[in-house]
Protein backbone atom coordinates (compact mmCIF):
# COMPACT_ATOMS: atom_id res chain seq x y z
CA UNK A 1 -12.86 -45.16 3.00
CA UNK A 2 -10.20 -43.05 4.72
CA UNK A 3 -9.05 -41.62 1.36
CA UNK A 4 -12.62 -40.78 0.36
CA UNK A 5 -13.20 -38.96 3.66
CA UNK A 6 -9.93 -37.02 3.24
CA UNK A 7 -10.85 -35.95 -0.31
CA UNK A 8 -14.34 -34.90 0.85
CA UNK A 9 -12.92 -32.92 3.79
CA UNK A 10 -10.38 -31.10 1.55
CA UNK A 11 -13.02 -30.26 -1.06
CA UNK A 12 -15.41 -28.98 1.62
CA UNK A 13 -12.68 -26.83 3.14
CA UNK A 14 -11.77 -25.36 -0.27
CA UNK A 15 -15.40 -24.50 -1.07
CA UNK A 16 -15.82 -22.92 2.36
CA UNK A 17 -12.81 -20.69 1.80
CA UNK A 18 -13.94 -19.59 -1.66
CA UNK A 19 -17.49 -18.94 -0.50
CA UNK A 20 -16.49 -16.20 1.92
CA UNK A 21 -16.91 -12.64 0.71
CA UNK A 22 -13.71 -10.71 0.12
CA UNK A 23 -13.06 -7.94 2.63
CA UNK A 24 -11.39 -5.90 -0.13
CA UNK A 25 -12.52 -7.20 -3.55
CA UNK A 26 -10.23 -7.45 -6.58
CA UNK A 27 -10.31 -4.32 -8.73
CA UNK A 28 -10.85 -1.82 -5.89
CA UNK A 29 -8.86 1.46 -6.06
CA UNK A 30 -7.69 3.33 -2.96
CA UNK A 31 -6.70 7.00 -2.74
CA UNK A 32 -5.23 8.18 0.58
CA UNK A 33 -3.77 11.30 2.15
CA UNK A 34 -1.41 9.93 4.77
CA UNK A 35 -1.92 10.65 8.48
CA UNK A 36 -5.39 12.08 9.20
CA UNK A 37 -4.17 13.57 12.51
CA UNK A 38 -2.14 16.06 10.42
CA UNK A 39 -5.42 17.59 9.26
CA UNK A 40 -5.83 19.03 12.76
CA UNK A 41 -2.81 21.28 12.10
CA UNK A 42 -4.33 22.90 9.01
CA UNK A 43 -4.60 26.38 10.56
CA UNK A 44 -1.59 26.34 12.89
CA UNK A 45 1.46 24.80 11.23
CA UNK A 46 0.20 23.57 7.87
CA UNK A 47 -0.57 20.10 6.66
CA UNK A 48 1.80 17.48 5.30
CA UNK A 49 0.02 15.48 2.63
CA UNK A 50 1.34 12.05 1.72
CA UNK A 51 -0.65 10.99 -1.36
CA UNK A 52 -1.08 7.25 -1.77
CA UNK A 53 -2.74 5.12 -4.41
CA UNK A 54 -3.49 1.42 -4.11
CA UNK A 55 -5.08 -1.31 -6.18
CA UNK A 56 -6.48 -4.69 -5.09
CA UNK A 57 -4.70 -7.08 -7.47
CA UNK A 58 -6.60 -10.06 -6.05
CA UNK A 59 -9.22 -10.31 -3.32
CA UNK A 60 -7.83 -8.94 -0.05
CA UNK A 61 -4.34 -8.11 -1.45
CA UNK A 62 -3.62 -4.44 -2.16
CA UNK A 63 -0.45 -3.05 -3.75
CA UNK A 64 0.18 0.64 -3.06
CA UNK A 65 2.47 3.51 -4.03
CA UNK A 66 3.12 6.74 -2.11
CA UNK A 67 5.07 9.96 -2.57
CA UNK A 68 5.94 12.48 0.11
CA UNK A 69 7.76 15.67 -0.90
CA UNK A 70 8.62 18.46 1.57
CA UNK A 71 10.75 21.56 1.53
CA UNK A 72 11.69 23.95 4.32
CA UNK A 73 13.80 27.02 4.96
CA UNK A 74 15.56 27.07 8.35
CA UNK A 75 17.64 29.71 10.07
CA UNK A 76 20.33 28.60 12.52
CA UNK A 77 23.09 30.80 13.98
CA UNK A 78 22.25 33.55 11.50
CA UNK A 79 22.62 31.24 8.49
CA UNK A 80 19.71 30.27 6.27
CA UNK A 81 19.45 26.68 5.04
CA UNK A 82 17.13 25.27 2.40
CA UNK A 83 16.21 21.61 2.75
CA UNK A 84 14.11 19.36 0.56
CA UNK A 85 13.18 15.72 0.99
CA UNK A 86 11.33 13.19 -1.13
CA UNK A 87 10.19 9.75 -0.05
CA UNK A 88 8.90 7.15 -2.52
CA UNK A 89 7.14 4.11 -1.10
CA UNK A 90 5.92 0.74 -2.34
CA UNK A 91 3.84 -1.53 -0.14
CA UNK A 92 1.74 -4.67 -0.03
CA UNK A 93 -1.21 -5.07 2.33
CA UNK A 94 -3.21 -8.21 3.09
CA UNK A 95 -6.71 -7.91 4.60
CA UNK A 96 -8.00 -10.50 7.05
CA UNK A 97 -11.54 -10.93 8.34
CA UNK A 98 -13.33 -7.97 9.97
CA UNK A 99 -11.18 -5.51 7.95
CA UNK A 100 -7.98 -6.08 9.95
CA UNK A 101 -4.83 -5.94 7.87
CA UNK A 102 -1.09 -6.39 7.87
CA UNK A 103 1.37 -4.92 5.44
CA UNK A 104 5.00 -4.55 4.46
CA UNK A 105 6.52 -1.52 2.79
CA UNK A 106 9.76 -0.31 1.25
CA UNK A 107 10.69 3.37 1.06
CA UNK A 108 13.46 5.34 -0.61
CA UNK A 109 14.49 8.76 0.74
CA UNK A 110 16.52 11.62 -0.72
CA UNK A 111 17.37 14.67 1.38
CA UNK A 112 19.14 17.76 0.04
CA UNK A 113 20.43 20.66 2.15
CA UNK A 114 22.22 23.87 1.20
CA UNK A 115 26.02 23.37 1.20
CA UNK A 116 25.71 19.74 2.33
CA UNK A 117 26.04 16.38 0.57
CA UNK A 118 22.80 14.72 -0.42
CA UNK A 119 21.58 11.99 1.91
CA UNK A 120 19.87 8.90 0.56
CA UNK A 121 18.16 6.19 2.52
CA UNK A 122 16.25 2.98 2.43
CA UNK A 123 13.50 2.09 4.86
CA UNK A 124 11.39 -0.96 5.64
CA UNK A 125 8.20 -0.98 7.64
CA UNK A 126 5.68 -3.46 8.93
CA UNK A 127 2.16 -2.28 9.67
CA UNK A 128 -0.94 -3.71 11.34
CA UNK A 129 -4.26 -1.92 11.54
CA UNK A 130 -7.98 -1.84 10.90
CA UNK A 131 -9.84 -0.51 7.86
CA UNK A 132 -12.96 1.39 8.98
CA UNK A 133 -15.35 2.37 6.15
CA UNK A 134 -17.78 5.27 6.60
CA UNK A 135 -19.79 7.67 4.39
CA UNK A 136 -20.08 5.44 1.30
CA UNK A 137 -16.50 5.47 -0.18
CA UNK A 138 -14.49 7.08 2.64
CA UNK A 139 -12.41 5.19 5.18
CA UNK A 140 -10.14 5.62 8.20
CA UNK A 141 -7.40 3.15 9.05
CA UNK A 142 -5.79 3.47 12.48
CA UNK A 143 -2.52 1.57 12.44
CA UNK A 144 0.69 0.75 14.26
CA UNK A 145 3.92 0.65 12.23
CA UNK A 146 7.42 -0.47 12.99
CA UNK A 147 9.92 1.46 10.85
CA UNK A 148 13.53 0.61 10.13
CA UNK A 149 15.85 2.78 8.07
CA UNK A 150 19.44 3.09 6.88
CA UNK A 151 20.89 6.38 5.63
CA UNK A 152 23.86 6.94 3.34
CA UNK A 153 25.89 10.09 4.17
CA UNK A 154 28.13 10.56 1.14
CA UNK A 155 29.19 6.94 0.83
CA UNK A 156 29.18 5.85 4.49
CA UNK A 157 26.13 3.85 5.44
CA UNK A 158 24.97 4.26 9.02
CA UNK A 159 21.92 3.29 11.03
CA UNK A 160 20.19 6.35 12.41
CA UNK A 161 18.76 7.04 15.84
CA UNK A 162 15.23 6.98 14.35
CA UNK A 163 15.65 3.41 13.13
CA UNK A 164 13.49 0.87 14.85
CA UNK A 165 10.75 3.24 15.95
CA UNK A 166 7.07 2.46 16.47
CA UNK A 167 4.58 4.91 14.96
CA UNK A 168 0.84 5.22 15.55
CA UNK A 169 -1.14 7.00 12.87
CA UNK A 170 -4.61 7.25 11.36
CA UNK A 171 -4.90 7.05 7.60
CA UNK A 172 -7.72 8.69 5.65
CA UNK A 173 -8.85 8.03 2.11
CA UNK A 174 -11.44 6.86 -0.40
CA UNK A 175 -12.09 3.47 -2.03
CA UNK A 176 -13.60 3.14 -5.49
C-alpha cells in the first residue's frame, strides 16, 4: 500500500508541474536594447544601445546573445586618443513564477586605444530581476546584476577595480 501511495503522489506531482502555464513559452523571441535609463540621455549625451536577441529553447529557459560596440575620441594633455570597445555576450535566463527570473552570462571584451596595446577581457555576471509586460509585445525588466571581470593587458592578467560590482538597470524590449 505504501508503494502504491508513493507512485500516486509522484504521478500527481508530475501532472501538477506540467499543468502550469509557462511564464515564457518555448519558441518566444526577445529583442532588447540594453538599459532603458540610457534613453533619458538621448538629447544630452547620446544613447548607448546594447542590442540583444533571445530565444526560449524550452518553456521558461531563454538563451540570449548581445553585442555592444562603442568608439570615442578623447583629448588629454593636448593629445588626442581614439578608443574603441566591443563586448560580446552569451547568457542563459530561467523564469520562475510571476515573471521573476535569474540568469548567468559570459562576456568577452576587446578595447583598442591609439598607441596602446589592445586589452582583452572576460566577464561573468549573475542577474536577478522581474519581467514586466506592457503594450502587447513590449516589456521592461528591472534587474540587479553582480559583475566580475578579468582583463589581459598585453599578456599579464589582472583583476580590475571594477570587478565585483553590483549594477541596477532597467531593460527594455519586445517579445514575439
